[in-house]
Amino acid sequence: MLVARKDKKQDVGCFSSAYKVAYEANGRPQPSTLVAPQLIPRLINSGGGDGNEVVPTAAFVSSVKMVHRFYASTEEGMTESDLDQFLVDINMSIERGSEMR
């Protein structure tokens, strides 16, 4: 699949697969995919009688409140320029990332 029309070049030299090098150094084969912990359990808890209710974790709520306090410039909350600064800080642009939606 062609992603870009021009060849990408860099002067550092050939890159190696960090996972392959690390696993082979320990005498183990490289896994087929990166194994990472699930983030969803850190963000939400299942709750309610039927188990379908989604409840944010206390740590997630605390983190969102901390970000809000950092960026909010008024007592009422974040202004449009506060939101723009947040988007620039996390996405380097106000026109990128799912957060802008």
Protein backbone atom coordinates (compact mmCIF):
# COMPACT_ATOMS: atom_id res chain seq x y z
CA MET A 1 0.00 0.00 0.00
CA LEU A 2 1.40 3.38 -0.98
CA VAL A 3 1.14 5.91 1.84
CA ALA A 4 3.41 8.67 0.54
CA ARG A 5 4.67 9.48 -2.93
CA LYS A 6 8.23 10.33 -1.94
CA ASP A 7 10.77 8.02 -0.36
CA LYS A 8 11.50 8.68 3.29
CA LYS A 9 15.20 9.01 4.08
CA GLN A 10 17.20 9.58 7.23
CA ASP A 11 20.93 9.69 8.00
CA VAL A 12 20.95 7.65 11.21
CA GLY A 13 21.32 4.25 9.54
CA CYS A 14 19.21 1.11 9.52
CA PHE A 15 16.71 0.70 12.34
CA SER A 16 16.25 -2.51 14.28
CA SER A 17 13.14 -3.89 15.90
CA ALA A 18 13.53 -3.03 19.59
CA TYR A 19 11.18 -5.85 20.58
CA LYS A 20 13.06 -8.43 18.51
CA VAL A 21 16.43 -7.35 19.94
CA ALA A 22 15.14 -7.31 23.54
CA TYR A 23 13.41 -10.68 23.36
CA GLU A 24 16.24 -12.40 21.48
CA ALA A 25 18.74 -11.11 24.06
CA ASN A 26 16.76 -13.09 26.65
CA GLY A 27 16.58 -16.19 24.44
CA ARG A 28 12.87 -15.79 23.74
CA PRO A 29 11.05 -15.32 20.43
CA GLN A 30 9.50 -11.94 19.73
CA PRO A 31 5.73 -11.95 20.35
CA SER A 32 3.54 -11.34 17.32
CA THR A 33 1.95 -8.25 18.87
CA LEU A 34 2.81 -5.77 21.59
CA VAL A 35 1.28 -6.95 24.83
CA ALA A 36 0.08 -4.00 26.87
CA PRO A 37 -2.27 -3.71 29.84
CA GLN A 38 -5.88 -2.83 29.15
CA LEU A 39 -6.68 0.83 29.82
CA ILE A 40 -10.46 0.47 30.08
CA PRO A 41 -10.39 -1.06 33.62
CA ARG A 42 -8.42 1.98 34.76
CA LEU A 43 -11.09 4.31 33.36
CA ILE A 44 -14.41 2.62 34.05
CA ASN A 45 -16.02 0.11 36.39
CA SER A 46 -19.04 -2.01 35.56
CA GLY A 47 -21.83 -1.43 38.01
CA GLY A 48 -25.54 -1.55 38.47
CA GLY A 49 -27.92 -4.47 38.77
CA ASP A 50 -27.65 -5.74 35.20
CA GLY A 51 -23.91 -5.04 34.88
CA ASN A 52 -24.39 -2.70 31.90
CA GLU A 53 -24.03 0.57 33.78
CA VAL A 54 -20.68 2.27 33.16
CA VAL A 55 -19.23 4.08 36.17
CA PRO A 56 -15.95 6.04 35.92
CA THR A 57 -13.24 5.04 38.37
CA ALA A 58 -12.32 7.48 41.13
CA ALA A 59 -8.81 7.81 39.64
CA PHE A 60 -10.24 8.74 36.23
CA VAL A 61 -12.60 11.34 37.71
CA SER A 62 -9.75 12.77 39.77
CA SER A 63 -7.51 13.03 36.69
CA VAL A 64 -10.19 14.78 34.62
CA LYS A 65 -10.83 17.25 37.45
CA MET A 66 -7.10 17.95 37.76
CA VAL A 67 -6.80 18.68 34.02
CA HIS A 68 -9.90 20.89 34.19
CA ARG A 69 -8.52 22.88 37.15
CA PHE A 70 -5.22 23.34 35.31
CA TYR A 71 -6.80 24.73 32.12
CA ALA A 72 -9.93 26.51 33.42
CA SER A 73 -9.31 30.25 33.53
CA THR A 74 -12.68 31.18 35.02
CA GLU A 75 -14.79 30.03 37.97
CA GLU A 76 -17.48 28.90 35.51
CA GLY A 77 -15.11 26.56 33.70
CA MET A 78 -13.02 26.42 30.58
CA THR A 79 -13.35 29.07 27.90
CA GLU A 80 -12.95 28.41 24.19
CA SER A 81 -9.37 29.66 24.36
CA ASP A 82 -8.74 27.31 27.34
CA LEU A 83 -10.02 24.41 25.24
CA ASP A 84 -7.85 25.49 22.31
CA GLN A 85 -4.77 25.54 24.57
CA PHE A 86 -5.61 22.06 25.88
CA LEU A 87 -5.90 20.74 22.30
CA VAL A 88 -2.61 22.37 21.27
CA ASP A 89 -0.86 20.92 24.33
CA ILE A 90 -2.02 17.34 23.72
CA ASN A 91 -2.25 17.27 19.90
CA MET A 92 0.00 20.16 18.81
CA SER A 93 -2.99 21.60 16.92
CA ILE A 94 -6.62 22.51 17.55
CA GLU A 95 -7.57 20.61 14.40
CA ARG A 96 -6.21 17.13 15.27
CA GLY A 97 -7.17 14.30 17.56
CA SER A 98 -10.46 12.84 18.73
CA GLU A 99 -10.57 15.27 21.68
CA MET A 100 -11.44 18.19 19.39
CA ARG A 101 -14.72 16.51 18.48
